[in-house]
Amino acid sequence: INEGLMSLFFFVVGMEIKRELVEGELSSPKKASLP
């Protein structure tokens, strides 16, 4: 679980980070500055 399955957890985390950076709430300095 800790070494294997959590890799899938971090895979989703990595995709969610990218989504926010590409088109979400972190995609522009104005949106991202406060959080």
PDB file of all heavy atoms in Angstrom:
ATOM      1  N   ILE A   1       0.832  -1.201   0.000  1.00  0.00           N
ATOM      2  CA  ILE A   1       0.000   0.000   0.000  1.00  0.00           C
ATOM      3  C   ILE A   1       0.870   1.255   0.000  1.00  0.00           C
ATOM      4  O   ILE A   1       0.685   2.156  -0.824  1.00  0.00           O
ATOM      5  CB  ILE A   1      -0.944   0.007   1.221  1.00  0.00           C
ATOM      6  CG1 ILE A   1      -2.007  -1.080   1.068  1.00  0.00           C
ATOM      7  CG2 ILE A   1      -1.617   1.372   1.386  1.00  0.00           C
ATOM      8  CD1 ILE A   1      -2.818  -1.316   2.313  1.00  0.00           C
ATOM      9  N   ASN A   2       1.812   1.329   0.925  1.00  0.00           N
ATOM     10  CA  ASN A   2       2.617   2.547   1.095  1.00  0.00           C
ATOM     11  C   ASN A   2       3.571   2.812  -0.062  1.00  0.00           C
ATOM     12  O   ASN A   2       3.801   3.963  -0.435  1.00  0.00           O
ATOM     13  CB  ASN A   2       3.403   2.475   2.405  1.00  0.00           C
ATOM     14  CG  ASN A   2       2.517   2.722   3.614  1.00  0.00           C
ATOM     15  OD1 ASN A   2       1.296   2.592   3.541  1.00  0.00           O
ATOM     16  ND2 ASN A   2       3.114   3.064   4.735  1.00  0.00           N
ATOM     17  N   GLU A   3       4.134   1.757  -0.628  1.00  0.00           N
ATOM     18  CA  GLU A   3       5.130   1.933  -1.681  1.00  0.00           C
ATOM     19  C   GLU A   3       4.548   1.796  -3.088  1.00  0.00           C
ATOM     20  O   GLU A   3       5.053   2.403  -4.030  1.00  0.00           O
ATOM     21  CB  GLU A   3       6.263   0.900  -1.513  1.00  0.00           C
ATOM     22  CG  GLU A   3       7.005   0.990  -0.207  1.00  0.00           C
ATOM     23  CD  GLU A   3       7.876   2.239  -0.115  1.00  0.00           C
ATOM     24  OE1 GLU A   3       8.354   2.725  -1.142  1.00  0.00           O
ATOM     25  OE2 GLU A   3       8.066   2.718   1.019  1.00  0.00           O
ATOM     26  N   GLY A   4       3.499   0.979  -3.205  1.00  0.00           N
ATOM     27  CA  GLY A   4       2.930   0.711  -4.523  1.00  0.00           C
ATOM     28  C   GLY A   4       1.664   1.490  -4.818  1.00  0.00           C
ATOM     29  O   GLY A   4       1.643   2.366  -5.685  1.00  0.00           O
ATOM     30  N   LEU A   5       0.597   1.189  -4.067  1.00  0.00           N
ATOM     31  CA  LEU A   5      -0.694   1.824  -4.340  1.00  0.00           C
ATOM     32  C   LEU A   5      -0.666   3.335  -4.149  1.00  0.00           C
ATOM     33  O   LEU A   5      -1.369   4.070  -4.839  1.00  0.00           O
ATOM     34  CB  LEU A   5      -1.779   1.208  -3.446  1.00  0.00           C
ATOM     35  CG  LEU A   5      -2.149  -0.248  -3.730  1.00  0.00           C
ATOM     36  CD1 LEU A   5      -3.291  -0.692  -2.837  1.00  0.00           C
ATOM     37  CD2 LEU A   5      -2.529  -0.443  -5.196  1.00  0.00           C
ATOM     38  N   MET A   6       0.162   3.812  -3.221  1.00  0.00           N
ATOM     39  CA  MET A   6       0.243   5.264  -3.018  1.00  0.00           C
ATOM     40  C   MET A   6       0.883   5.967  -4.217  1.00  0.00           C
ATOM     41  O   MET A   6       0.760   7.185  -4.359  1.00  0.00           O
ATOM     42  CB  MET A   6       1.013   5.585  -1.740  1.00  0.00           C
ATOM     43  CG  MET A   6       0.206   5.347  -0.471  1.00  0.00           C
ATOM     44  SD  MET A   6      -1.316   6.329  -0.363  1.00  0.00           S
ATOM     45  CE  MET A   6      -0.651   7.923   0.102  1.00  0.00           C
ATOM     46  N   SER A   7       1.545   5.205  -5.080  1.00  0.00           N
ATOM     47  CA  SER A   7       2.057   5.786  -6.325  1.00  0.00           C
ATOM     48  C   SER A   7       0.898   6.245  -7.200  1.00  0.00           C
ATOM     49  O   SER A   7       0.980   7.268  -7.887  1.00  0.00           O
ATOM     50  CB  SER A   7       2.916   4.770  -7.086  1.00  0.00           C
ATOM     51  OG  SER A   7       4.055   4.410  -6.347  1.00  0.00           O
ATOM     52  N   LEU A   8      -0.194   5.473  -7.172  1.00  0.00           N
ATOM     53  CA  LEU A   8      -1.392   5.861  -7.924  1.00  0.00           C
ATOM     54  C   LEU A   8      -2.035   7.102  -7.308  1.00  0.00           C
ATOM     55  O   LEU A   8      -2.534   7.976  -8.018  1.00  0.00           O
ATOM     56  CB  LEU A   8      -2.383   4.699  -7.958  1.00  0.00           C
ATOM     57  CG  LEU A   8      -3.606   4.854  -8.879  1.00  0.00           C
ATOM     58  CD1 LEU A   8      -3.178   5.142 -10.316  1.00  0.00           C
ATOM     59  CD2 LEU A   8      -4.476   3.607  -8.830  1.00  0.00           C
ATOM     60  N   PHE A   9      -2.004   7.187  -5.977  1.00  0.00           N
ATOM     61  CA  PHE A   9      -2.474   8.394  -5.282  1.00  0.00           C
ATOM     62  C   PHE A   9      -1.681   9.614  -5.750  1.00  0.00           C
ATOM     63  O   PHE A   9      -2.250  10.656  -6.094  1.00  0.00           O
ATOM     64  CB  PHE A   9      -2.328   8.201  -3.765  1.00  0.00           C
ATOM     65  CG  PHE A   9      -2.435   9.483  -2.963  1.00  0.00           C
ATOM     66  CD1 PHE A   9      -3.670  10.065  -2.706  1.00  0.00           C
ATOM     67  CD2 PHE A   9      -1.292  10.098  -2.460  1.00  0.00           C
ATOM     68  CE1 PHE A   9      -3.759  11.240  -1.975  1.00  0.00           C
ATOM     69  CE2 PHE A   9      -1.371  11.265  -1.719  1.00  0.00           C
ATOM     70  CZ  PHE A   9      -2.615  11.834  -1.478  1.00  0.00           C
ATOM     71  N   PHE A  10      -0.365   9.477  -5.793  1.00  0.00           N
ATOM     72  CA  PHE A  10       0.479  10.598  -6.225  1.00  0.00           C
ATOM     73  C   PHE A  10       0.338  10.868  -7.718  1.00  0.00           C
ATOM     74  O   PHE A  10       0.560  11.988  -8.169  1.00  0.00           O
ATOM     75  CB  PHE A  10       1.945  10.329  -5.850  1.00  0.00           C
ATOM     76  CG  PHE A  10       2.280  10.697  -4.435  1.00  0.00           C
ATOM     77  CD1 PHE A  10       2.374   9.717  -3.459  1.00  0.00           C
ATOM     78  CD2 PHE A  10       2.483  12.009  -4.071  1.00  0.00           C
ATOM     79  CE1 PHE A  10       2.666  10.045  -2.144  1.00  0.00           C
ATOM     80  CE2 PHE A  10       2.783  12.354  -2.762  1.00  0.00           C
ATOM     81  CZ  PHE A  10       2.864  11.372  -1.791  1.00  0.00           C
ATOM     82  N   PHE A  11      -0.029   9.846  -8.487  1.00  0.00           N
ATOM     83  CA  PHE A  11      -0.310  10.036  -9.914  1.00  0.00           C
ATOM     84  C   PHE A  11      -1.494  10.982 -10.092  1.00  0.00           C
ATOM     85  O   PHE A  11      -1.450  11.923 -10.894  1.00  0.00           O
ATOM     86  CB  PHE A  11      -0.596   8.678 -10.558  1.00  0.00           C
ATOM     87  CG  PHE A  11      -1.027   8.741 -11.999  1.00  0.00           C
ATOM     88  CD1 PHE A  11      -0.264   9.404 -12.955  1.00  0.00           C
ATOM     89  CD2 PHE A  11      -2.210   8.120 -12.404  1.00  0.00           C
ATOM     90  CE1 PHE A  11      -0.665   9.469 -14.289  1.00  0.00           C
ATOM     91  CE2 PHE A  11      -2.613   8.168 -13.737  1.00  0.00           C
ATOM     92  CZ  PHE A  11      -1.844   8.842 -14.673  1.00  0.00           C
ATOM     93  N   VAL A  12      -2.560  10.744  -9.327  1.00  0.00           N
ATOM     94  CA  VAL A  12      -3.732  11.632  -9.382  1.00  0.00           C
ATOM     95  C   VAL A  12      -3.377  13.013  -8.854  1.00  0.00           C
ATOM     96  O   VAL A  12      -3.798  14.035  -9.413  1.00  0.00           O
ATOM     97  CB  VAL A  12      -4.909  11.017  -8.593  1.00  0.00           C
ATOM     98  CG1 VAL A  12      -6.082  11.997  -8.508  1.00  0.00           C
ATOM     99  CG2 VAL A  12      -5.370   9.724  -9.247  1.00  0.00           C
ATOM    100  N   VAL A  13      -2.584  13.067  -7.781  1.00  0.00           N
ATOM    101  CA  VAL A  13      -2.124  14.361  -7.253  1.00  0.00           C
ATOM    102  C   VAL A  13      -1.356  15.129  -8.320  1.00  0.00           C
ATOM    103  O   VAL A  13      -1.580  16.323  -8.535  1.00  0.00           O
ATOM    104  CB  VAL A  13      -1.236  14.159  -5.998  1.00  0.00           C
ATOM    105  CG1 VAL A  13      -0.490  15.448  -5.641  1.00  0.00           C
ATOM    106  CG2 VAL A  13      -2.080  13.703  -4.819  1.00  0.00           C
ATOM    107  N   GLY A  14      -0.443  14.427  -9.019  1.00  0.00           N
ATOM    108  CA  GLY A  14       0.338  15.071 -10.077  1.00  0.00           C
ATOM    109  C   GLY A  14      -0.528  15.609 -11.193  1.00  0.00           C
ATOM    110  O   GLY A  14      -0.308  16.716 -11.699  1.00  0.00           O
ATOM    111  N   MET A  15      -1.557  14.846 -11.586  1.00  0.00           N
ATOM    112  CA  MET A  15      -2.469  15.298 -12.639  1.00  0.00           C
ATOM    113  C   MET A  15      -3.303  16.489 -12.182  1.00  0.00           C
ATOM    114  O   MET A  15      -3.530  17.429 -12.946  1.00  0.00           O
ATOM    115  CB  MET A  15      -3.382  14.150 -13.078  1.00  0.00           C
ATOM    116  CG  MET A  15      -2.674  13.060 -13.863  1.00  0.00           C
ATOM    117  SD  MET A  15      -3.822  11.918 -14.689  1.00  0.00           S
ATOM    118  CE  MET A  15      -4.578  11.111 -13.285  1.00  0.00           C
ATOM    119  N   GLU A  16      -3.751  16.459 -10.920  1.00  0.00           N
ATOM    120  CA  GLU A  16      -4.551  17.573 -10.409  1.00  0.00           C
ATOM    121  C   GLU A  16      -3.725  18.847 -10.303  1.00  0.00           C
ATOM    122  O   GLU A  16      -4.216  19.944 -10.575  1.00  0.00           O
ATOM    123  CB  GLU A  16      -5.154  17.198  -9.056  1.00  0.00           C
ATOM    124  CG  GLU A  16      -6.276  16.172  -9.179  1.00  0.00           C
ATOM    125  CD  GLU A  16      -6.888  15.801  -7.848  1.00  0.00           C
ATOM    126  OE1 GLU A  16      -6.212  15.969  -6.822  1.00  0.00           O
ATOM    127  OE2 GLU A  16      -8.050  15.351  -7.840  1.00  0.00           O
ATOM    128  N   ILE A  17      -2.472  18.692  -9.921  1.00  0.00           N
ATOM    129  CA  ILE A  17      -1.572  19.852  -9.880  1.00  0.00           C
ATOM    130  C   ILE A  17      -1.422  20.442 -11.282  1.00  0.00           C
ATOM    131  O   ILE A  17      -1.525  21.661 -11.478  1.00  0.00           O
ATOM    132  CB  ILE A  17      -0.187  19.451  -9.311  1.00  0.00           C
ATOM    133  CG1 ILE A  17      -0.288  19.179  -7.803  1.00  0.00           C
ATOM    134  CG2 ILE A  17       0.848  20.542  -9.571  1.00  0.00           C
ATOM    135  CD1 ILE A  17       0.976  18.571  -7.215  1.00  0.00           C
ATOM    136  N   LYS A  18      -1.184  19.561 -12.264  1.00  0.00           N
ATOM    137  CA  LYS A  18      -1.016  20.048 -13.638  1.00  0.00           C
ATOM    138  C   LYS A  18      -2.282  20.712 -14.146  1.00  0.00           C
ATOM    139  O   LYS A  18      -2.229  21.756 -14.802  1.00  0.00           O
ATOM    140  CB  LYS A  18      -0.617  18.904 -14.568  1.00  0.00           C
ATOM    141  CG  LYS A  18      -0.415  19.385 -16.007  1.00  0.00           C
ATOM    142  CD  LYS A  18       0.379  18.445 -16.840  1.00  0.00           C
ATOM    143  CE  LYS A  18       0.635  19.046 -18.222  1.00  0.00           C
ATOM    144  NZ  LYS A  18       1.454  18.171 -19.065  1.00  0.00           N
ATOM    145  N   ARG A  19      -3.451  20.114 -13.855  1.00  0.00           N
ATOM    146  CA  ARG A  19      -4.712  20.701 -14.310  1.00  0.00           C
ATOM    147  C   ARG A  19      -4.891  22.108 -13.762  1.00  0.00           C
ATOM    148  O   ARG A  19      -5.281  23.026 -14.486  1.00  0.00           O
ATOM    149  CB  ARG A  19      -5.884  19.822 -13.856  1.00  0.00           C
ATOM    150  CG  ARG A  19      -7.254  20.370 -14.271  1.00  0.00           C
ATOM    151  CD  ARG A  19      -8.381  19.500 -13.762  1.00  0.00           C
ATOM    152  NE  ARG A  19      -8.402  19.449 -12.302  1.00  0.00           N
ATOM    153  CZ  ARG A  19      -9.237  18.682 -11.604  1.00  0.00           C
ATOM    154  NH1 ARG A  19     -10.099  17.896 -12.236  1.00  0.00           N
ATOM    155  NH2 ARG A  19      -9.202  18.689 -10.285  1.00  0.00           N
ATOM    156  N   GLU A  20      -4.576  22.289 -12.471  1.00  0.00           N
ATOM    157  CA  GLU A  20      -4.726  23.617 -11.867  1.00  0.00           C
ATOM    158  C   GLU A  20      -3.737  24.612 -12.464  1.00  0.00           C
ATOM    159  O   GLU A  20      -4.048  25.790 -12.637  1.00  0.00           O
ATOM    160  CB  GLU A  20      -4.530  23.530 -10.350  1.00  0.00           C
ATOM    161  CG  GLU A  20      -5.592  22.724  -9.632  1.00  0.00           C
ATOM    162  CD  GLU A  20      -6.995  23.266  -9.857  1.00  0.00           C
ATOM    163  OE1 GLU A  20      -7.178  24.492  -9.819  1.00  0.00           O
ATOM    164  OE2 GLU A  20      -7.911  22.461 -10.079  1.00  0.00           O
ATOM    165  N   LEU A  21      -2.529  24.132 -12.796  1.00  0.00           N
ATOM    166  CA  LEU A  21      -1.514  25.014 -13.386  1.00  0.00           C
ATOM    167  C   LEU A  21      -1.838  25.376 -14.833  1.00  0.00           C
ATOM    168  O   LEU A  21      -1.531  26.478 -15.295  1.00  0.00           O
ATOM    169  CB  LEU A  21      -0.138  24.348 -13.317  1.00  0.00           C
ATOM    170  CG  LEU A  21       0.481  24.198 -11.927  1.00  0.00           C
ATOM    171  CD1 LEU A  21       1.727  23.328 -11.985  1.00  0.00           C
ATOM    172  CD2 LEU A  21       0.816  25.560 -11.327  1.00  0.00           C
ATOM    173  N   VAL A  22      -2.472  24.426 -15.565  1.00  0.00           N
ATOM    174  CA  VAL A  22      -2.763  24.650 -16.982  1.00  0.00           C
ATOM    175  C   VAL A  22      -4.021  25.482 -17.188  1.00  0.00           C
ATOM    176  O   VAL A  22      -4.038  26.434 -17.965  1.00  0.00           O
ATOM    177  CB  VAL A  22      -2.884  23.298 -17.726  1.00  0.00           C
ATOM    178  CG1 VAL A  22      -3.410  23.490 -19.142  1.00  0.00           C
ATOM    179  CG2 VAL A  22      -1.523  22.604 -17.776  1.00  0.00           C
ATOM    180  N   GLU A  23      -5.090  25.109 -16.486  1.00  0.00           N
ATOM    181  CA  GLU A  23      -6.371  25.771 -16.766  1.00  0.00           C
ATOM    182  C   GLU A  23      -7.196  26.109 -15.534  1.00  0.00           C
ATOM    183  O   GLU A  23      -8.284  26.643 -15.643  1.00  0.00           O
ATOM    184  CB  GLU A  23      -7.225  24.876 -17.679  1.00  0.00           C
ATOM    185  CG  GLU A  23      -7.499  23.519 -17.096  1.00  0.00           C
ATOM    186  CD  GLU A  23      -8.249  22.592 -18.030  1.00  0.00           C
ATOM    187  OE1 GLU A  23      -8.218  22.813 -19.250  1.00  0.00           O
ATOM    188  OE2 GLU A  23      -8.868  21.645 -17.531  1.00  0.00           O
ATOM    189  N   GLY A  24      -6.666  25.816 -14.353  1.00  0.00           N
ATOM    190  CA  GLY A  24      -7.448  25.998 -13.139  1.00  0.00           C
ATOM    191  C   GLY A  24      -7.108  27.259 -12.373  1.00  0.00           C
ATOM    192  O   GLY A  24      -6.699  28.279 -12.939  1.00  0.00           O
ATOM    193  N   GLU A  25      -7.235  27.145 -11.046  1.00  0.00           N
ATOM    194  CA  GLU A  25      -7.089  28.305 -10.183  1.00  0.00           C
ATOM    195  C   GLU A  25      -5.634  28.744  -9.990  1.00  0.00           C
ATOM    196  O   GLU A  25      -5.388  29.764  -9.356  1.00  0.00           O
ATOM    197  CB  GLU A  25      -7.712  28.001  -8.813  1.00  0.00           C
ATOM    198  CG  GLU A  25      -9.214  27.836  -8.863  1.00  0.00           C
ATOM    199  CD  GLU A  25      -9.911  29.060  -9.443  1.00  0.00           C
ATOM    200  OE1 GLU A  25      -9.616  30.173  -8.997  1.00  0.00           O
ATOM    201  OE2 GLU A  25     -10.746  28.893 -10.343  1.00  0.00           O
ATOM    202  N   LEU A  26      -4.690  27.998 -10.519  1.00  0.00           N
ATOM    203  CA  LEU A  26      -3.274  28.388 -10.411  1.00  0.00           C
ATOM    204  C   LEU A  26      -2.702  28.730 -11.782  1.00  0.00           C
ATOM    205  O   LEU A  26      -1.490  28.803 -11.948  1.00  0.00           O
ATOM    206  CB  LEU A  26      -2.458  27.242  -9.775  1.00  0.00           C
ATOM    207  CG  LEU A  26      -2.975  26.704  -8.433  1.00  0.00           C
ATOM    208  CD1 LEU A  26      -2.092  25.561  -7.964  1.00  0.00           C
ATOM    209  CD2 LEU A  26      -3.025  27.800  -7.389  1.00  0.00           C
ATOM    210  N   SER A  27      -3.586  28.952 -12.756  1.00  0.00           N
ATOM    211  CA  SER A  27      -3.131  29.152 -14.135  1.00  0.00           C
ATOM    212  C   SER A  27      -2.682  30.578 -14.426  1.00  0.00           C
ATOM    213  O   SER A  27      -2.124  30.854 -15.480  1.00  0.00           O
ATOM    214  CB  SER A  27      -4.241  28.759 -15.117  1.00  0.00           C
ATOM    215  OG  SER A  27      -5.413  29.533 -14.882  1.00  0.00           O
ATOM    216  N   SER A  28      -2.934  31.501 -13.521  1.00  0.00           N
ATOM    217  CA  SER A  28      -2.481  32.881 -13.719  1.00  0.00           C
ATOM    218  C   SER A  28      -2.027  33.461 -12.383  1.00  0.00           C
ATOM    219  O   SER A  28      -2.536  33.050 -11.327  1.00  0.00           O
ATOM    220  CB  SER A  28      -3.611  33.739 -14.297  1.00  0.00           C
ATOM    221  OG  SER A  28      -4.628  33.935 -13.333  1.00  0.00           O
ATOM    222  N   PRO A  29      -1.070  34.414 -12.405  1.00  0.00           N
ATOM    223  CA  PRO A  29      -0.586  35.013 -11.155  1.00  0.00           C
ATOM    224  C   PRO A  29      -1.706  35.632 -10.326  1.00  0.00           C
ATOM    225  O   PRO A  29      -1.703  35.539  -9.102  1.00  0.00           O
ATOM    226  CB  PRO A  29       0.398  36.089 -11.640  1.00  0.00           C
ATOM    227  CG  PRO A  29       0.851  35.612 -12.975  1.00  0.00           C
ATOM    228  CD  PRO A  29      -0.338  34.919 -13.580  1.00  0.00           C
ATOM    229  N   LYS A  30      -2.687  36.232 -11.005  1.00  0.00           N
ATOM    230  CA  LYS A  30      -3.787  36.887 -10.301  1.00  0.00           C
ATOM    231  C   LYS A  30      -4.608  35.868  -9.507  1.00  0.00           C
ATOM    232  O   LYS A  30      -4.991  36.097  -8.360  1.00  0.00           O
ATOM    233  CB  LYS A  30      -4.686  37.613 -11.300  1.00  0.00           C
ATOM    234  CG  LYS A  30      -5.794  38.433 -10.648  1.00  0.00           C
ATOM    235  CD  LYS A  30      -6.623  39.151 -11.696  1.00  0.00           C
ATOM    236  CE  LYS A  30      -7.750  39.944 -11.038  1.00  0.00           C
ATOM    237  NZ  LYS A  30      -8.593  40.638 -12.049  1.00  0.00           N
ATOM    238  N   LYS A  31      -4.885  34.712 -10.129  1.00  0.00           N
ATOM    239  CA  LYS A  31      -5.663  33.667  -9.457  1.00  0.00           C
ATOM    240  C   LYS A  31      -4.858  33.006  -8.344  1.00  0.00           C
ATOM    241  O   LYS A  31      -5.404  32.655  -7.293  1.00  0.00           O
ATOM    242  CB  LYS A  31      -6.088  32.600 -10.472  1.00  0.00           C
ATOM    243  CG  LYS A  31      -7.186  33.024 -11.426  1.00  0.00           C
ATOM    244  CD  LYS A  31      -7.537  31.851 -12.332  1.00  0.00           C
ATOM    245  CE  LYS A  31      -8.674  32.190 -13.284  1.00  0.00           C
ATOM    246  NZ  LYS A  31      -9.027  31.037 -14.150  1.00  0.00           N
ATOM    247  N   ALA A  32      -3.568  32.809  -8.603  1.00  0.00           N
ATOM    248  CA  ALA A  32      -2.755  31.991  -7.702  1.00  0.00           C
ATOM    249  C   ALA A  32      -2.167  32.750  -6.526  1.00  0.00           C
ATOM    250  O   ALA A  32      -1.779  32.127  -5.533  1.00  0.00           O
ATOM    251  CB  ALA A  32      -1.621  31.338  -8.499  1.00  0.00           C
ATOM    252  N   SER A  33      -2.098  34.077  -6.587  1.00  0.00           N
ATOM    253  CA  SER A  33      -1.320  34.836  -5.607  1.00  0.00           C
ATOM    254  C   SER A  33      -1.796  34.640  -4.167  1.00  0.00           C
ATOM    255  O   SER A  33      -0.984  34.366  -3.274  1.00  0.00           O
ATOM    256  CB  SER A  33      -1.315  36.327  -5.966  1.00  0.00           C
ATOM    257  OG  SER A  33      -2.632  36.847  -5.962  1.00  0.00           O
ATOM    258  N   LEU A  34      -3.113  34.763  -3.917  1.00  0.00           N
ATOM    259  CA  LEU A  34      -3.595  34.650  -2.535  1.00  0.00           C
ATOM    260  C   LEU A  34      -3.421  33.246  -1.973  1.00  0.00           C
ATOM    261  O   LEU A  34      -2.814  33.090  -0.898  1.00  0.00           O
ATOM    262  CB  LEU A  34      -5.060  35.104  -2.441  1.00  0.00           C
ATOM    263  CG  LEU A  34      -5.655  35.092  -1.024  1.00  0.00           C
ATOM    264  CD1 LEU A  34      -4.858  36.003  -0.098  1.00  0.00           C
ATOM    265  CD2 LEU A  34      -7.126  35.512  -1.049  1.00  0.00           C
ATOM    266  N   PRO A  35      -3.917  32.173  -2.640  1.00  0.00           N
ATOM    267  CA  PRO A  35      -3.691  30.837  -2.084  1.00  0.00           C
ATOM    268  C   PRO A  35      -2.218  30.440  -2.043  1.00  0.00           C
ATOM    269  O   PRO A  35      -1.813  29.683  -1.160  1.00  0.00           O
ATOM    270  CB  PRO A  35      -4.475  29.910  -3.022  1.00  0.00           C
ATOM    271  CG  PRO A  35      -4.725  30.688  -4.261  1.00  0.00           C
ATOM    272  CD  PRO A  35      -4.781  32.122  -3.842  1.00  0.00           C
TER     273      PRO A  35
END
